[in-house]
Amino acid sequence: MDDVAKAAGIAKGLLYKHFSSKDALFQALIDRQGESYAGELRDSLKQADIAADPYGAMRDGLSFWLRKMGDDTATFNLTDPGVHHGYDTLRGSLRAVIAESVRAAQPGVGAPYAGLVAALIQGAAENLGLAWRDDPGAIDAEEALDILATFCWGGVTAVLGAGTLGEAAR
């Protein structure tokens, strides 16, 4: 907290007036960034015609995700190198946007199913993004996107198509 107060040019007491601890400050930063990323992702998906081209919309969203994961200058990475409960809110915000898109692409899919599919897409994007970021020379961003989009699309169409959730959601 000393370093944060010094960098902000304020007294540490003022910092503690607004944030009771380092964890509270960290949580506030993550929450703010989660809202910002969710807004950016929502805007990215609004550019696509989800109903007419759900694959293209999904690819646009995944492209956004990989850009954020691969950007060393990003204001905040989408994942924590350790485990911190604060990231749950950030992930939840992004998962909600993905679930909205799933419901826009397939209006008959109910909230619990859209949320589960969103969690699967998010998990795949997060994990591929981490692996790709850790070995950036292995493949370029476009190839990483191709792999991720193909994998996610195959899963989404299998689950929401004539598969288990597609029938259960109707």
N, C-alpha and C. Protein backbone atom coordinates (compact mmCIF):
# COMPACT_ATOMS: atom_id res chain seq x y z
N MET A 1 0.83 -1.19 0.00
CA MET A 1 0.00 0.00 0.00
C MET A 1 0.88 1.26 0.00
N ASP A 2 2.07 1.16 0.64
CA ASP A 2 2.99 2.30 0.62
C ASP A 2 3.36 2.66 -0.81
N ASP A 3 3.71 1.65 -1.60
CA ASP A 3 4.13 1.89 -2.98
C ASP A 3 2.98 2.47 -3.82
N VAL A 4 1.78 1.97 -3.61
CA VAL A 4 0.62 2.46 -4.36
C VAL A 4 0.35 3.91 -4.01
N ALA A 5 0.35 4.22 -2.73
CA ALA A 5 0.10 5.60 -2.29
C ALA A 5 1.17 6.54 -2.84
N LYS A 6 2.41 6.10 -2.80
CA LYS A 6 3.50 6.92 -3.31
C LYS A 6 3.35 7.16 -4.81
N ALA A 7 3.05 6.09 -5.57
CA ALA A 7 2.87 6.23 -7.02
C ALA A 7 1.68 7.12 -7.37
N ALA A 8 0.64 7.09 -6.52
CA ALA A 8 -0.55 7.91 -6.76
C ALA A 8 -0.37 9.34 -6.24
N GLY A 9 0.69 9.55 -5.47
CA GLY A 9 0.93 10.89 -4.92
C GLY A 9 -0.05 11.26 -3.82
N ILE A 10 -0.48 10.26 -3.07
CA ILE A 10 -1.43 10.51 -1.98
C ILE A 10 -0.90 9.89 -0.69
N ALA A 11 -1.48 10.29 0.40
CA ALA A 11 -1.11 9.71 1.69
C ALA A 11 -1.69 8.30 1.80
N LYS A 12 -0.97 7.43 2.46
CA LYS A 12 -1.43 6.05 2.62
C LYS A 12 -2.77 6.02 3.37
N GLY A 13 -2.97 6.94 4.28
CA GLY A 13 -4.24 6.99 5.02
C GLY A 13 -5.43 7.23 4.09
N LEU A 14 -5.24 8.07 3.09
CA LEU A 14 -6.32 8.31 2.12
C LEU A 14 -6.62 7.05 1.32
N LEU A 15 -5.59 6.34 0.99
CA LEU A 15 -5.78 5.08 0.28
C LEU A 15 -6.59 4.10 1.14
N TYR A 16 -6.24 4.01 2.40
CA TYR A 16 -6.96 3.12 3.32
C TYR A 16 -8.39 3.60 3.58
N LYS A 17 -8.64 4.88 3.40
CA LYS A 17 -10.01 5.40 3.57
C LYS A 17 -10.93 4.80 2.51
N HIS A 18 -10.39 4.54 1.33
CA HIS A 18 -11.18 4.00 0.22
C HIS A 18 -11.08 2.49 0.08
N PHE A 19 -9.95 1.92 0.50
CA PHE A 19 -9.71 0.48 0.36
C PHE A 19 -9.15 -0.05 1.67
N SER A 20 -9.84 -0.97 2.27
CA SER A 20 -9.46 -1.46 3.59
C SER A 20 -8.18 -2.31 3.59
N SER A 21 -7.79 -2.81 2.42
CA SER A 21 -6.61 -3.67 2.35
C SER A 21 -6.10 -3.75 0.92
N LYS A 22 -4.96 -4.41 0.76
CA LYS A 22 -4.44 -4.64 -0.59
C LYS A 22 -5.42 -5.47 -1.40
N ASP A 23 -6.02 -6.47 -0.75
CA ASP A 23 -6.99 -7.31 -1.46
C ASP A 23 -8.19 -6.50 -1.92
N ALA A 24 -8.66 -5.57 -1.10
CA ALA A 24 -9.81 -4.74 -1.49
C ALA A 24 -9.45 -3.84 -2.68
N LEU A 25 -8.24 -3.30 -2.67
CA LEU A 25 -7.78 -2.48 -3.79
C LEU A 25 -7.67 -3.34 -5.05
N PHE A 26 -7.08 -4.51 -4.92
CA PHE A 26 -6.93 -5.44 -6.04
C PHE A 26 -8.30 -5.82 -6.60
N GLN A 27 -9.24 -6.13 -5.71
CA GLN A 27 -10.59 -6.49 -6.14
C GLN A 27 -11.23 -5.36 -6.93
N ALA A 28 -11.07 -4.13 -6.45
CA ALA A 28 -11.65 -2.98 -7.14
C ALA A 28 -11.03 -2.81 -8.53
N LEU A 29 -9.74 -3.03 -8.64
CA LEU A 29 -9.08 -2.93 -9.95
C LEU A 29 -9.58 -4.01 -10.90
N ILE A 30 -9.70 -5.21 -10.40
CA ILE A 30 -10.17 -6.31 -11.24
C ILE A 30 -11.63 -6.08 -11.66
N ASP A 31 -12.46 -5.64 -10.72
CA ASP A 31 -13.86 -5.38 -11.04
C ASP A 31 -13.98 -4.32 -12.12
N ARG A 32 -13.21 -3.24 -11.97
CA ARG A 32 -13.26 -2.16 -12.97
C ARG A 32 -12.80 -2.67 -14.33
N GLN A 33 -11.71 -3.45 -14.35
CA GLN A 33 -11.22 -3.96 -15.62
C GLN A 33 -12.17 -4.98 -16.21
N GLY A 34 -12.80 -5.79 -15.35
CA GLY A 34 -13.78 -6.75 -15.84
C GLY A 34 -14.94 -6.06 -16.53
N GLU A 35 -15.42 -4.98 -15.95
CA GLU A 35 -16.50 -4.21 -16.58
C GLU A 35 -16.05 -3.63 -17.91
N SER A 36 -14.82 -3.14 -17.94
CA SER A 36 -14.28 -2.57 -19.18
C SER A 36 -14.14 -3.63 -20.26
N TYR A 37 -13.55 -4.79 -19.91
CA TYR A 37 -13.39 -5.86 -20.88
C TYR A 37 -14.73 -6.40 -21.35
N ALA A 38 -15.67 -6.54 -20.43
CA ALA A 38 -17.00 -7.03 -20.83
C ALA A 38 -17.63 -6.05 -21.81
N GLY A 39 -17.48 -4.76 -21.57
CA GLY A 39 -18.00 -3.75 -22.50
C GLY A 39 -17.32 -3.83 -23.85
N GLU A 40 -15.99 -4.00 -23.84
CA GLU A 40 -15.26 -4.13 -25.11
C GLU A 40 -15.68 -5.37 -25.87
N LEU A 41 -15.84 -6.48 -25.15
CA LEU A 41 -16.26 -7.72 -25.79
C LEU A 41 -17.67 -7.57 -26.35
N ARG A 42 -18.56 -6.98 -25.58
CA ARG A 42 -19.94 -6.76 -26.03
C ARG A 42 -19.94 -5.88 -27.28
N ASP A 43 -19.13 -4.81 -27.30
CA ASP A 43 -19.04 -3.94 -28.48
C ASP A 43 -18.49 -4.69 -29.68
N SER A 44 -17.50 -5.53 -29.45
CA SER A 44 -16.93 -6.33 -30.53
C SER A 44 -17.99 -7.25 -31.13
N LEU A 45 -18.78 -7.86 -30.27
CA LEU A 45 -19.82 -8.78 -30.74
C LEU A 45 -20.99 -8.05 -31.39
N LYS A 46 -21.25 -6.80 -30.99
CA LYS A 46 -22.32 -6.02 -31.60
C LYS A 46 -22.01 -5.70 -33.06
N GLN A 47 -20.72 -5.66 -33.40
CA GLN A 47 -20.33 -5.39 -34.78
C GLN A 47 -20.69 -6.55 -35.70
N ALA A 48 -20.82 -7.72 -35.13
CA ALA A 48 -21.13 -8.92 -35.91
C ALA A 48 -22.64 -9.16 -35.91
N ASP A 49 -23.10 -9.83 -36.93
CA ASP A 49 -24.51 -10.23 -36.99
C ASP A 49 -24.60 -11.64 -36.43
N ILE A 50 -24.85 -11.71 -35.12
CA ILE A 50 -24.82 -12.99 -34.42
C ILE A 50 -25.84 -13.97 -34.99
N ALA A 51 -27.03 -13.48 -35.30
CA ALA A 51 -28.08 -14.37 -35.80
C ALA A 51 -27.74 -14.91 -37.19
N ALA A 52 -27.20 -14.07 -38.06
CA ALA A 52 -26.90 -14.50 -39.42
C ALA A 52 -25.56 -15.23 -39.53
N ASP A 53 -24.61 -14.87 -38.70
CA ASP A 53 -23.28 -15.46 -38.79
C ASP A 53 -22.73 -15.74 -37.39
N PRO A 54 -23.30 -16.74 -36.71
CA PRO A 54 -22.84 -17.01 -35.34
C PRO A 54 -21.37 -17.43 -35.27
N TYR A 55 -20.89 -18.14 -36.30
CA TYR A 55 -19.48 -18.52 -36.31
C TYR A 55 -18.59 -17.28 -36.39
N GLY A 56 -18.94 -16.37 -37.27
CA GLY A 56 -18.16 -15.13 -37.41
C GLY A 56 -18.16 -14.31 -36.13
N ALA A 57 -19.32 -14.25 -35.47
CA ALA A 57 -19.41 -13.51 -34.21
C ALA A 57 -18.54 -14.18 -33.14
N MET A 58 -18.61 -15.51 -33.08
CA MET A 58 -17.79 -16.22 -32.10
C MET A 58 -16.31 -15.99 -32.39
N ARG A 59 -15.95 -16.05 -33.64
CA ARG A 59 -14.56 -15.82 -34.03
C ARG A 59 -14.11 -14.40 -33.66
N ASP A 60 -14.98 -13.42 -33.85
CA ASP A 60 -14.65 -12.04 -33.46
C ASP A 60 -14.41 -11.95 -31.95
N GLY A 61 -15.27 -12.60 -31.18
CA GLY A 61 -15.11 -12.59 -29.72
C GLY A 61 -13.83 -13.29 -29.29
N LEU A 62 -13.53 -14.42 -29.92
CA LEU A 62 -12.31 -15.15 -29.59
C LEU A 62 -11.07 -14.36 -30.00
N SER A 63 -11.17 -13.65 -31.10
CA SER A 63 -10.06 -12.80 -31.55
C SER A 63 -9.79 -11.71 -30.53
N PHE A 64 -10.86 -11.09 -30.02
CA PHE A 64 -10.72 -10.10 -28.96
C PHE A 64 -9.98 -10.71 -27.77
N TRP A 65 -10.42 -11.90 -27.37
CA TRP A 65 -9.83 -12.57 -26.20
C TRP A 65 -8.33 -12.80 -26.40
N LEU A 66 -7.96 -13.35 -27.56
CA LEU A 66 -6.55 -13.64 -27.82
C LEU A 66 -5.72 -12.37 -27.91
N ARG A 67 -6.29 -11.29 -28.46
CA ARG A 67 -5.56 -10.02 -28.49
C ARG A 67 -5.26 -9.56 -27.07
N LYS A 68 -6.23 -9.68 -26.19
CA LYS A 68 -6.02 -9.27 -24.80
C LYS A 68 -5.00 -10.18 -24.12
N MET A 69 -5.07 -11.46 -24.39
CA MET A 69 -4.13 -12.41 -23.77
C MET A 69 -2.71 -12.19 -24.27
N GLY A 70 -2.56 -11.85 -25.52
CA GLY A 70 -1.23 -11.71 -26.11
C GLY A 70 -0.62 -10.34 -26.00
N ASP A 71 -1.38 -9.40 -25.48
CA ASP A 71 -0.92 -8.02 -25.40
C ASP A 71 -0.17 -7.79 -24.10
N ASP A 72 1.15 -7.69 -24.19
CA ASP A 72 1.95 -7.45 -22.99
C ASP A 72 1.67 -6.08 -22.38
N THR A 73 1.13 -5.16 -23.18
CA THR A 73 0.86 -3.82 -22.67
C THR A 73 -0.58 -3.67 -22.20
N ALA A 74 -1.34 -4.77 -22.21
CA ALA A 74 -2.74 -4.70 -21.77
C ALA A 74 -2.80 -4.16 -20.35
N THR A 75 -3.84 -3.42 -20.07
CA THR A 75 -3.97 -2.84 -18.74
C THR A 75 -4.12 -3.91 -17.68
N PHE A 76 -4.63 -5.04 -18.07
CA PHE A 76 -4.80 -6.15 -17.15
C PHE A 76 -4.92 -7.41 -17.98
N ASN A 77 -4.27 -8.45 -17.58
CA ASN A 77 -4.45 -9.70 -18.31
C ASN A 77 -5.73 -10.37 -17.84
N LEU A 78 -6.27 -11.23 -18.67
CA LEU A 78 -7.53 -11.88 -18.36
C LEU A 78 -7.39 -12.98 -17.33
N THR A 79 -6.20 -13.38 -17.05
CA THR A 79 -6.02 -14.45 -16.07
C THR A 79 -4.94 -14.07 -15.09
N ASP A 80 -5.04 -14.61 -13.93
CA ASP A 80 -4.09 -14.38 -12.87
C ASP A 80 -3.02 -15.46 -12.92
N PRO A 81 -1.74 -15.11 -12.79
CA PRO A 81 -0.73 -16.14 -12.79
C PRO A 81 -0.84 -17.06 -11.56
N GLY A 82 -1.51 -16.61 -10.55
CA GLY A 82 -1.78 -17.43 -9.38
C GLY A 82 -3.29 -17.61 -9.28
N VAL A 83 -3.74 -17.93 -8.11
CA VAL A 83 -5.18 -18.08 -7.92
C VAL A 83 -5.61 -17.00 -6.95
N HIS A 84 -6.57 -16.21 -7.38
CA HIS A 84 -7.11 -15.16 -6.52
C HIS A 84 -8.61 -15.10 -6.78
N HIS A 85 -9.38 -15.11 -5.72
CA HIS A 85 -10.84 -15.11 -5.87
C HIS A 85 -11.34 -13.87 -6.59
N GLY A 86 -10.55 -12.83 -6.62
CA GLY A 86 -10.95 -11.60 -7.28
C GLY A 86 -11.21 -11.77 -8.77
N TYR A 87 -10.58 -12.74 -9.37
CA TYR A 87 -10.77 -12.95 -10.80
C TYR A 87 -12.11 -13.59 -11.13
N ASP A 88 -12.80 -14.11 -10.13
CA ASP A 88 -14.11 -14.71 -10.37
C ASP A 88 -15.09 -13.70 -10.96
N THR A 89 -15.07 -12.47 -10.46
CA THR A 89 -15.96 -11.43 -10.96
C THR A 89 -15.64 -11.09 -12.41
N LEU A 90 -14.34 -10.95 -12.71
CA LEU A 90 -13.93 -10.65 -14.08
C LEU A 90 -14.39 -11.75 -15.02
N ARG A 91 -14.12 -12.99 -14.64
CA ARG A 91 -14.53 -14.11 -15.49
C ARG A 91 -16.05 -14.16 -15.63
N GLY A 92 -16.75 -13.90 -14.54
CA GLY A 92 -18.21 -13.91 -14.58
C GLY A 92 -18.76 -12.85 -15.52
N SER A 93 -18.16 -11.66 -15.51
CA SER A 93 -18.60 -10.59 -16.41
C SER A 93 -18.44 -11.00 -17.87
N LEU A 94 -17.30 -11.59 -18.18
CA LEU A 94 -17.06 -12.00 -19.56
C LEU A 94 -17.94 -13.18 -19.95
N ARG A 95 -18.12 -14.10 -19.03
CA ARG A 95 -18.99 -15.26 -19.30
C ARG A 95 -20.42 -14.81 -19.56
N ALA A 96 -20.88 -13.79 -18.86
CA ALA A 96 -22.24 -13.27 -19.08
C ALA A 96 -22.40 -12.73 -20.51
N VAL A 97 -21.38 -12.05 -21.01
CA VAL A 97 -21.43 -11.51 -22.38
C VAL A 97 -21.47 -12.67 -23.38
N ILE A 98 -20.67 -13.68 -23.14
CA ILE A 98 -20.66 -14.85 -24.04
C ILE A 98 -22.03 -15.53 -24.02
N ALA A 99 -22.61 -15.69 -22.83
CA ALA A 99 -23.93 -16.32 -22.71
C ALA A 99 -24.99 -15.51 -23.44
N GLU A 100 -24.92 -14.18 -23.36
CA GLU A 100 -25.85 -13.32 -24.11
C GLU A 100 -25.76 -13.61 -25.60
N SER A 101 -24.53 -13.79 -26.08
CA SER A 101 -24.33 -14.07 -27.51
C SER A 101 -24.85 -15.43 -27.89
N VAL A 102 -24.68 -16.41 -27.01
CA VAL A 102 -25.22 -17.75 -27.28
C VAL A 102 -26.73 -17.66 -27.41
N ARG A 103 -27.38 -16.93 -26.49
CA ARG A 103 -28.84 -16.79 -26.55
C ARG A 103 -29.28 -15.99 -27.78
N ALA A 104 -28.47 -15.01 -28.21
CA ALA A 104 -28.81 -14.24 -29.41
C ALA A 104 -28.71 -15.12 -30.66
N ALA A 105 -27.74 -16.03 -30.68
CA ALA A 105 -27.57 -16.93 -31.82
C ALA A 105 -28.63 -18.01 -31.84
N GLN A 106 -29.04 -18.49 -30.66
CA GLN A 106 -30.04 -19.54 -30.53
C GLN A 106 -31.03 -19.13 -29.43
N PRO A 107 -32.03 -18.33 -29.79
CA PRO A 107 -32.95 -17.80 -28.78
C PRO A 107 -33.65 -18.85 -27.92
N GLY A 108 -33.77 -20.07 -28.37
CA GLY A 108 -34.44 -21.10 -27.59
C GLY A 108 -33.60 -21.69 -26.47
N VAL A 109 -32.33 -21.31 -26.42
CA VAL A 109 -31.43 -21.86 -25.40
C VAL A 109 -31.64 -21.09 -24.10
N GLY A 110 -31.97 -21.82 -23.05
CA GLY A 110 -32.22 -21.20 -21.76
C GLY A 110 -30.95 -20.75 -21.07
N ALA A 111 -31.13 -19.90 -20.06
CA ALA A 111 -30.01 -19.30 -19.33
C ALA A 111 -29.03 -20.33 -18.76
N PRO A 112 -29.50 -21.40 -18.12
CA PRO A 112 -28.48 -22.28 -17.55
C PRO A 112 -27.61 -22.92 -18.64
N TYR A 113 -28.20 -23.27 -19.77
CA TYR A 113 -27.44 -23.91 -20.84
C TYR A 113 -26.52 -22.91 -21.53
N ALA A 114 -27.01 -21.70 -21.76
CA ALA A 114 -26.17 -20.67 -22.37
C ALA A 114 -24.97 -20.37 -21.48
N GLY A 115 -25.19 -20.33 -20.18
CA GLY A 115 -24.11 -20.09 -19.25
C GLY A 115 -23.08 -21.21 -19.24
N LEU A 116 -23.55 -22.44 -19.34
CA LEU A 116 -22.62 -23.58 -19.37
C LEU A 116 -21.81 -23.58 -20.66
N VAL A 117 -22.45 -23.31 -21.77
CA VAL A 117 -21.73 -23.24 -23.05
C VAL A 117 -20.73 -22.08 -23.00
N ALA A 118 -21.14 -20.96 -22.42
CA ALA A 118 -20.23 -19.82 -22.28
C ALA A 118 -19.01 -20.20 -21.44
N ALA A 119 -19.22 -20.97 -20.39
CA ALA A 119 -18.10 -21.40 -19.54
C ALA A 119 -17.14 -22.29 -20.33
N LEU A 120 -17.68 -23.14 -21.19
CA LEU A 120 -16.83 -24.00 -22.01
C LEU A 120 -16.00 -23.18 -23.01
N ILE A 121 -16.65 -22.23 -23.66
CA ILE A 121 -15.94 -21.36 -24.61
C ILE A 121 -14.86 -20.56 -23.88
N GLN A 122 -15.24 -19.99 -22.74
CA GLN A 122 -14.30 -19.19 -21.97
C GLN A 122 -13.11 -20.03 -21.51
N GLY A 123 -13.39 -21.23 -21.03
CA GLY A 123 -12.30 -22.10 -20.57
C GLY A 123 -11.34 -22.45 -21.69
N ALA A 124 -11.88 -22.77 -22.84
CA ALA A 124 -11.02 -23.09 -23.98
C ALA A 124 -10.19 -21.88 -24.39
N ALA A 125 -10.83 -20.72 -24.46
CA ALA A 125 -10.13 -19.50 -24.86
C ALA A 125 -9.04 -19.13 -23.86
N GLU A 126 -9.38 -19.24 -22.60
CA GLU A 126 -8.42 -18.88 -21.56
C GLU A 126 -7.21 -19.82 -21.58
N ASN A 127 -7.46 -21.11 -21.68
CA ASN A 127 -6.36 -22.06 -21.64
C ASN A 127 -5.51 -22.05 -22.90
N LEU A 128 -6.14 -21.97 -24.07
CA LEU A 128 -5.34 -21.86 -25.29
C LEU A 128 -4.56 -20.56 -25.26
N GLY A 129 -5.19 -19.49 -24.82
CA GLY A 129 -4.50 -18.21 -24.74
C GLY A 129 -3.27 -18.25 -23.84
N LEU A 130 -3.39 -18.92 -22.71
CA LEU A 130 -2.24 -19.05 -21.81
C LEU A 130 -1.11 -19.85 -22.45
N ALA A 131 -1.46 -20.98 -23.06
CA ALA A 131 -0.45 -21.82 -23.70
C ALA A 131 0.21 -21.07 -24.86
N TRP A 132 -0.58 -20.36 -25.64
CA TRP A 132 -0.05 -19.61 -26.78
C TRP A 132 0.84 -18.47 -26.29
N ARG A 133 0.40 -17.78 -25.25
CA ARG A 133 1.18 -16.67 -24.70
C ARG A 133 2.52 -17.16 -24.14
N ASP A 134 2.51 -18.36 -23.55
CA ASP A 134 3.75 -18.90 -22.98
C ASP A 134 4.74 -19.36 -24.04
N ASP A 135 4.28 -19.62 -25.26
CA ASP A 135 5.16 -20.05 -26.35
C ASP A 135 4.77 -19.29 -27.62
N PRO A 136 4.98 -17.97 -27.61
CA PRO A 136 4.46 -17.13 -28.70
C PRO A 136 5.07 -17.40 -30.07
N GLY A 137 6.24 -17.98 -30.13
CA GLY A 137 6.86 -18.23 -31.42
C GLY A 137 6.37 -19.49 -32.11
N ALA A 138 5.62 -20.33 -31.39
CA ALA A 138 5.19 -21.61 -31.96
C ALA A 138 4.24 -21.41 -33.13
N ILE A 139 3.24 -20.59 -32.95
CA ILE A 139 2.28 -20.28 -34.02
C ILE A 139 1.91 -18.81 -33.93
N ASP A 140 1.44 -18.24 -35.04
CA ASP A 140 1.06 -16.82 -34.99
C ASP A 140 -0.37 -16.68 -34.49
N ALA A 141 -0.78 -15.44 -34.30
CA ALA A 141 -2.09 -15.15 -33.72
C ALA A 141 -3.23 -15.70 -34.58
N GLU A 142 -3.11 -15.62 -35.88
CA GLU A 142 -4.18 -16.10 -36.77
C GLU A 142 -4.34 -17.61 -36.67
N GLU A 143 -3.23 -18.33 -36.58
CA GLU A 143 -3.32 -19.78 -36.45
C GLU A 143 -3.90 -20.18 -35.10
N ALA A 144 -3.51 -19.45 -34.05
CA ALA A 144 -4.08 -19.71 -32.71
C ALA A 144 -5.59 -19.48 -32.75
N LEU A 145 -6.01 -18.42 -33.43
CA LEU A 145 -7.44 -18.13 -33.56
C LEU A 145 -8.15 -19.21 -34.35
N ASP A 146 -7.55 -19.67 -35.43
CA ASP A 146 -8.15 -20.75 -36.24
C ASP A 146 -8.38 -22.01 -35.40
N ILE A 147 -7.36 -22.39 -34.64
CA ILE A 147 -7.47 -23.59 -33.80
C ILE A 147 -8.58 -23.41 -32.77
N LEU A 148 -8.57 -22.28 -32.09
CA LEU A 148 -9.56 -22.02 -31.04
C LEU A 148 -10.97 -21.94 -31.59
N ALA A 149 -11.15 -21.22 -32.69
CA ALA A 149 -12.49 -21.07 -33.28
C ALA A 149 -13.03 -22.41 -33.78
N THR A 150 -12.18 -23.19 -34.42
CA THR A 150 -12.61 -24.50 -34.91
C THR A 150 -13.01 -25.41 -33.75
N PHE A 151 -12.21 -25.42 -32.70
CA PHE A 151 -12.50 -26.24 -31.53
C PHE A 151 -13.82 -25.81 -30.87
N CYS A 152 -13.95 -24.52 -30.62
CA CYS A 152 -15.16 -24.02 -29.95
C CYS A 152 -16.40 -24.22 -30.81
N TRP A 153 -16.29 -23.95 -32.11
CA TRP A 153 -17.44 -24.11 -32.99
C TRP A 153 -17.91 -25.55 -33.04
N GLY A 154 -16.95 -26.48 -33.11
CA GLY A 154 -17.31 -27.89 -33.11
C GLY A 154 -18.06 -28.27 -31.84
N GLY A 155 -17.59 -27.78 -30.72
CA GLY A 155 -18.27 -28.07 -29.46
C GLY A 155 -19.63 -27.42 -29.35
N VAL A 156 -19.71 -26.15 -29.74
CA VAL A 156 -20.98 -25.43 -29.66
C VAL A 156 -22.02 -26.07 -30.55
N THR A 157 -21.64 -26.40 -31.78
CA THR A 157 -22.63 -26.98 -32.69
C THR A 157 -23.05 -28.37 -32.23
N ALA A 158 -22.12 -29.12 -31.66
CA ALA A 158 -22.47 -30.46 -31.16
C ALA A 158 -23.41 -30.36 -29.96
N VAL A 159 -23.15 -29.43 -29.08
CA VAL A 159 -23.94 -29.31 -27.85
C VAL A 159 -25.27 -28.62 -28.10
N LEU A 160 -25.26 -27.56 -28.88
CA LEU A 160 -26.51 -26.80 -29.09
C LEU A 160 -27.29 -27.24 -30.32
N GLY A 161 -26.66 -28.01 -31.18
CA GLY A 161 -27.36 -28.49 -32.36
C GLY A 161 -28.36 -29.57 -31.99
N ALA A 162 -28.21 -30.70 -32.60
CA ALA A 162 -29.13 -31.81 -32.31
C ALA A 162 -28.70 -32.58 -31.08
N GLY A 163 -27.65 -32.09 -30.41
CA GLY A 163 -27.11 -32.78 -29.26
C GLY A 163 -27.96 -32.59 -28.00
N THR A 164 -27.39 -32.94 -26.90
CA THR A 164 -28.10 -33.00 -25.63
C THR A 164 -28.72 -31.69 -25.20
N LEU A 165 -27.95 -30.62 -25.21
CA LEU A 165 -28.48 -29.35 -24.75
C LEU A 165 -29.45 -28.75 -25.76
N GLY A 166 -29.21 -28.98 -27.04
CA GLY A 166 -30.11 -28.45 -28.05
C GLY A 166 -31.53 -28.96 -27.86
N GLU A 167 -31.66 -30.25 -27.58
CA GLU A 167 -33.00 -30.83 -27.36
C GLU A 167 -33.54 -30.45 -25.99
N ALA A 168 -32.68 -30.44 -24.99
CA ALA A 168 -33.13 -30.13 -23.63
C ALA A 168 -33.53 -28.66 -23.51
N ALA A 169 -32.91 -27.81 -24.31
CA ALA A 169 -33.18 -26.37 -24.19
C ALA A 169 -34.48 -25.97 -24.86
N ARG A 170 -35.03 -26.82 -25.68
CA ARG A 170 -36.24 -26.43 -26.43
C ARG A 170 -37.49 -26.74 -25.63
